[in-house]
Structure formats: C-alpha cells, structure tokens
C-alpha cells in the first residue's frame, strides 16, 4: 500500500510461460567438484578491470 502509486497490481503474478524453458538437471548422489579459487596476479587483475 505504501508504494501503490509506483507499482501496478498485475506484478503479483508469475510471468507467462515462454516457448523455451531453461533448466539445470541435477543428478542424485553426485557432489559438485571441489576447486580452489582461481588466483590472478595484481597486474593481470588491473588489466581485467581496465
């Protein structure tokens, strides 16, 4: 009610179904691979941020 002037009432329902639905299939009894974070040098990081 506080923001009724900036939002419409039709936003409380889900969007319509599309022709393409994306999904991630998860296998049972499978653990995700454990991996260390990728390390990057300061010059490489500066280049990426540029």
PDB file of N, CA and C in Angstrom:
ATOM      1  N   UNK A   1       0.815  -1.195   0.000  1.00  0.00           N
ATOM      2  CA  UNK A   1       0.000   0.000   0.000  1.00  0.00           C
ATOM      3  C   UNK A   1       0.859   1.260   0.000  1.00  0.00           C
ATOM      4  N   UNK A   2       2.012   1.145   0.637  1.00  0.00           N
ATOM      5  CA  UNK A   2       2.862   2.331   0.743  1.00  0.00           C
ATOM      6  C   UNK A   2       3.350   2.804  -0.627  1.00  0.00           C
ATOM      7  N   UNK A   3       3.624   1.856  -1.541  1.00  0.00           N
ATOM      8  CA  UNK A   3       4.157   2.208  -2.858  1.00  0.00           C
ATOM      9  C   UNK A   3       3.156   1.928  -3.972  1.00  0.00           C
ATOM     10  N   UNK A   4       1.884   1.960  -3.685  1.00  0.00           N
ATOM     11  CA  UNK A   4       0.871   1.657  -4.695  1.00  0.00           C
ATOM     12  C   UNK A   4       0.881   2.670  -5.837  1.00  0.00           C
ATOM     13  N   UNK A   5       1.409   3.851  -5.616  1.00  0.00           N
ATOM     14  CA  UNK A   5       1.448   4.850  -6.679  1.00  0.00           C
ATOM     15  C   UNK A   5       2.553   4.583  -7.697  1.00  0.00           C
ATOM     16  N   UNK A   6       3.541   3.746  -7.376  1.00  0.00           N
ATOM     17  CA  UNK A   6       4.637   3.463  -8.307  1.00  0.00           C
ATOM     18  C   UNK A   6       4.621   2.040  -8.842  1.00  0.00           C
ATOM     19  N   UNK A   7       3.725   1.194  -8.372  1.00  0.00           N
ATOM     20  CA  UNK A   7       3.646  -0.173  -8.885  1.00  0.00           C
ATOM     21  C   UNK A   7       2.206  -0.502  -9.227  1.00  0.00           C
ATOM     22  N   UNK A   8       2.057  -1.392 -10.198  1.00  0.00           N
ATOM     23  CA  UNK A   8       0.709  -1.782 -10.594  1.00  0.00           C
ATOM     24  C   UNK A   8       0.341  -3.109  -9.944  1.00  0.00           C
ATOM     25  N   UNK A   9      -0.913  -3.417  -9.888  1.00  0.00           N
ATOM     26  CA  UNK A   9      -1.390  -4.628  -9.227  1.00  0.00           C
ATOM     27  C   UNK A   9      -1.110  -5.903  -9.994  1.00  0.00           C
ATOM     28  N   UNK A  10      -0.773  -5.825 -11.290  1.00  0.00           N
ATOM     29  CA  UNK A  10      -0.554  -7.043 -12.070  1.00  0.00           C
ATOM     30  C   UNK A  10       0.845  -7.631 -11.877  1.00  0.00           C
ATOM     31  N   UNK A  11       1.660  -7.057 -11.015  1.00  0.00           N
ATOM     32  CA  UNK A  11       3.003  -7.571 -10.777  1.00  0.00           C
ATOM     33  C   UNK A  11       3.041  -8.685  -9.737  1.00  0.00           C
ATOM     34  N   UNK A  12       1.925  -9.050  -9.167  1.00  0.00           N
ATOM     35  CA  UNK A  12       1.917 -10.071  -8.124  1.00  0.00           C
ATOM     36  C   UNK A  12       1.770 -11.479  -8.678  1.00  0.00           C
ATOM     37  N   UNK A  13       1.693 -11.638  -9.998  1.00  0.00           N
ATOM     38  CA  UNK A  13       1.579 -12.967 -10.584  1.00  0.00           C
ATOM     39  C   UNK A  13       2.844 -13.291 -11.379  1.00  0.00           C
ATOM     40  N   UNK A  14       3.035 -14.569 -11.691  1.00  0.00           N
ATOM     41  CA  UNK A  14       4.206 -15.011 -12.440  1.00  0.00           C
ATOM     42  C   UNK A  14       4.117 -14.566 -13.890  1.00  0.00           C
ATOM     43  N   UNK A  15       5.265 -14.403 -14.560  1.00  0.00           N
ATOM     44  CA  UNK A  15       5.237 -14.040 -15.972  1.00  0.00           C
ATOM     45  C   UNK A  15       4.673 -15.197 -16.798  1.00  0.00           C
ATOM     46  N   UNK A  16       4.198 -14.932 -18.000  1.00  0.00           N
ATOM     47  CA  UNK A  16       3.636 -16.001 -18.826  1.00  0.00           C
ATOM     48  C   UNK A  16       4.709 -17.005 -19.246  1.00  0.00           C
ATOM     49  N   UNK A  17       4.288 -18.234 -19.521  1.00  0.00           N
ATOM     50  CA  UNK A  17       5.213 -19.273 -19.980  1.00  0.00           C
ATOM     51  C   UNK A  17       5.752 -18.892 -21.354  1.00  0.00           C
ATOM     52  N   UNK A  18       6.994 -19.214 -21.600  1.00  0.00           N
ATOM     53  CA  UNK A  18       7.644 -18.908 -22.874  1.00  0.00           C
ATOM     54  C   UNK A  18       7.801 -20.192 -23.689  1.00  0.00           C
ATOM     55  N   UNK A  19       8.233 -20.043 -24.940  1.00  0.00           N
ATOM     56  CA  UNK A  19       8.458 -21.214 -25.792  1.00  0.00           C
ATOM     57  C   UNK A  19       9.644 -22.033 -25.315  1.00  0.00           C
ATOM     58  N   UNK A  20      10.611 -21.377 -24.684  1.00  0.00           N
ATOM     59  CA  UNK A  20      11.824 -22.059 -24.230  1.00  0.00           C
ATOM     60  C   UNK A  20      11.905 -21.947 -22.716  1.00  0.00           C
ATOM     61  N   UNK A  21      12.013 -23.074 -22.051  1.00  0.00           N
ATOM     62  CA  UNK A  21      12.213 -23.100 -20.607  1.00  0.00           C
ATOM     63  C   UNK A  21      13.609 -23.625 -20.335  1.00  0.00           C
ATOM     64  N   UNK A  22      14.395 -22.899 -19.562  1.00  0.00           N
ATOM     65  CA  UNK A  22      15.748 -23.322 -19.217  1.00  0.00           C
ATOM     66  C   UNK A  22      15.716 -24.030 -17.878  1.00  0.00           C
ATOM     67  N   UNK A  23      16.493 -25.078 -17.768  1.00  0.00           N
ATOM     68  CA  UNK A  23      16.555 -25.801 -16.510  1.00  0.00           C
ATOM     69  C   UNK A  23      17.940 -26.399 -16.331  1.00  0.00           C
ATOM     70  N   UNK A  24      18.293 -26.642 -15.108  1.00  0.00           N
ATOM     71  CA  UNK A  24      19.540 -27.318 -14.768  1.00  0.00           C
ATOM     72  C   UNK A  24      19.158 -28.639 -14.128  1.00  0.00           C
ATOM     73  N   UNK A  25      19.522 -29.712 -14.793  1.00  0.00           N
ATOM     74  CA  UNK A  25      19.192 -31.028 -14.263  1.00  0.00           C
ATOM     75  C   UNK A  25      20.269 -31.443 -13.266  1.00  0.00           C
ATOM     76  N   UNK A  26      19.851 -31.799 -12.075  1.00  0.00           N
ATOM     77  CA  UNK A  26      20.770 -32.184 -11.014  1.00  0.00           C
ATOM     78  C   UNK A  26      20.669 -33.683 -10.809  1.00  0.00           C
ATOM     79  N   UNK A  27      21.809 -34.351 -10.879  1.00  0.00           N
ATOM     80  CA  UNK A  27      21.839 -35.792 -10.688  1.00  0.00           C
ATOM     81  C   UNK A  27      21.860 -36.115  -9.204  1.00  0.00           C
ATOM     82  N   UNK A  28      21.196 -37.191  -8.843  1.00  0.00           N
ATOM     83  CA  UNK A  28      21.177 -37.606  -7.444  1.00  0.00           C
ATOM     84  C   UNK A  28      22.501 -38.269  -7.074  1.00  0.00           C
ATOM     85  N   UNK A  29      22.878 -38.163  -5.819  1.00  0.00           N
ATOM     86  CA  UNK A  29      24.080 -38.792  -5.267  1.00  0.00           C
ATOM     87  C   UNK A  29      25.359 -38.342  -5.965  1.00  0.00           C
ATOM     88  N   UNK A  30      25.391 -37.120  -6.442  1.00  0.00           N
ATOM     89  CA  UNK A  30      26.582 -36.571  -7.092  1.00  0.00           C
ATOM     90  C   UNK A  30      26.966 -35.296  -6.346  1.00  0.00           C
ATOM     91  N   UNK A  31      28.236 -35.199  -5.972  1.00  0.00           N
ATOM     92  CA  UNK A  31      28.704 -33.994  -5.297  1.00  0.00           C
ATOM     93  C   UNK A  31      29.417 -33.095  -6.301  1.00  0.00           C
ATOM     94  N   UNK A  32      29.264 -31.796  -6.189  1.00  0.00           N
ATOM     95  CA  UNK A  32      29.948 -30.899  -7.106  1.00  0.00           C
ATOM     96  C   UNK A  32      31.461 -30.962  -6.888  1.00  0.00           C
ATOM     97  N   UNK A  33      32.244 -30.735  -7.936  1.00  0.00           N
ATOM     98  CA  UNK A  33      33.696 -30.790  -7.777  1.00  0.00           C
ATOM     99  C   UNK A  33      34.198 -29.678  -6.861  1.00  0.00           C
ATOM    100  N   UNK A  34      35.146 -30.024  -6.027  1.00  0.00           N
ATOM    101  CA  UNK A  34      35.746 -29.050  -5.129  1.00  0.00           C
ATOM    102  C   UNK A  34      36.934 -28.428  -5.841  1.00  0.00           C
ATOM    103  N   UNK A  35      36.978 -27.107  -5.883  1.00  0.00           N
ATOM    104  CA  UNK A  35      38.018 -26.427  -6.641  1.00  0.00           C
ATOM    105  C   UNK A  35      38.451 -25.164  -5.898  1.00  0.00           C
ATOM    106  N   UNK A  36      39.743 -24.915  -5.876  1.00  0.00           N
ATOM    107  CA  UNK A  36      40.275 -23.707  -5.261  1.00  0.00           C
ATOM    108  C   UNK A  36      39.928 -22.499  -6.134  1.00  0.00           C
ATOM    109  N   UNK A  37      39.761 -21.318  -5.530  1.00  0.00           N
ATOM    110  CA  UNK A  37      39.529 -20.111  -6.325  1.00  0.00           C
ATOM    111  C   UNK A  37      40.714 -19.842  -7.247  1.00  0.00           C
ATOM    112  N   UNK A  38      40.439 -19.309  -8.420  1.00  0.00           N
ATOM    113  CA  UNK A  38      41.474 -19.013  -9.401  1.00  0.00           C
ATOM    114  C   UNK A  38      42.256 -17.790  -8.942  1.00  0.00           C
ATOM    115  N   UNK A  39      43.557 -17.955  -8.795  1.00  0.00           N
ATOM    116  CA  UNK A  39      44.400 -16.832  -8.369  1.00  0.00           C
ATOM    117  C   UNK A  39      44.890 -16.064  -9.599  1.00  0.00           C
ATOM    118  N   UNK A  40      44.975 -14.755  -9.430  1.00  0.00           N
ATOM    119  CA  UNK A  40      45.415 -13.898 -10.523  1.00  0.00           C
ATOM    120  C   UNK A  40      46.367 -12.845  -9.941  1.00  0.00           C
ATOM    121  N   UNK A  41      47.393 -12.500 -10.709  1.00  0.00           N
ATOM    122  CA  UNK A  41      48.369 -11.525 -10.227  1.00  0.00           C
ATOM    123  C   UNK A  41      47.766 -10.118 -10.266  1.00  0.00           C
ATOM    124  N   UNK A  42      48.377  -9.206  -9.523  1.00  0.00           N
ATOM    125  CA  UNK A  42      47.880  -7.829  -9.476  1.00  0.00           C
ATOM    126  C   UNK A  42      47.906  -7.159 -10.854  1.00  0.00           C
ATOM    127  N   UNK A  43      48.987  -7.324 -11.652  1.00  0.00           N
ATOM    128  CA  UNK A  43      48.965  -6.718 -12.997  1.00  0.00           C
ATOM    129  C   UNK A  43      47.852  -7.303 -13.879  1.00  0.00           C
ATOM    130  N   UNK A  44      47.619  -8.615 -13.774  1.00  0.00           N
ATOM    131  CA  UNK A  44      46.547  -9.227 -14.562  1.00  0.00           C
ATOM    132  C   UNK A  44      45.181  -8.710 -14.109  1.00  0.00           C
ATOM    133  N   UNK A  45      45.003  -8.550 -12.803  1.00  0.00           N
ATOM    134  CA  UNK A  45      43.753  -8.036 -12.270  1.00  0.00           C
ATOM    135  C   UNK A  45      43.515  -6.597 -12.734  1.00  0.00           C
ATOM    136  N   UNK A  46      44.568  -5.794 -12.717  1.00  0.00           N
ATOM    137  CA  UNK A  46      44.451  -4.409 -13.178  1.00  0.00           C
ATOM    138  C   UNK A  46      44.070  -4.366 -14.654  1.00  0.00           C
ATOM    139  N   UNK A  47      44.633  -5.272 -15.449  1.00  0.00           N
ATOM    140  CA  UNK A  47      44.312  -5.335 -16.876  1.00  0.00           C
ATOM    141  C   UNK A  47      42.854  -5.742 -17.094  1.00  0.00           C
ATOM    142  N   UNK A  48      42.373  -6.677 -16.288  1.00  0.00           N
ATOM    143  CA  UNK A  48      40.979  -7.108 -16.420  1.00  0.00           C
ATOM    144  C   UNK A  48      40.005  -6.001 -16.045  1.00  0.00           C
ATOM    145  N   UNK A  49      40.347  -5.231 -15.025  1.00  0.00           N
ATOM    146  CA  UNK A  49      39.467  -4.157 -14.578  1.00  0.00           C
ATOM    147  C   UNK A  49      39.486  -2.961 -15.515  1.00  0.00           C
ATOM    148  N   UNK A  50      40.511  -2.874 -16.371  1.00  0.00           N
ATOM    149  CA  UNK A  50      40.661  -1.744 -17.276  1.00  0.00           C
ATOM    150  C   UNK A  50      39.653  -1.760 -18.371  1.00  0.00           C
TER     151      UNK A  50
END
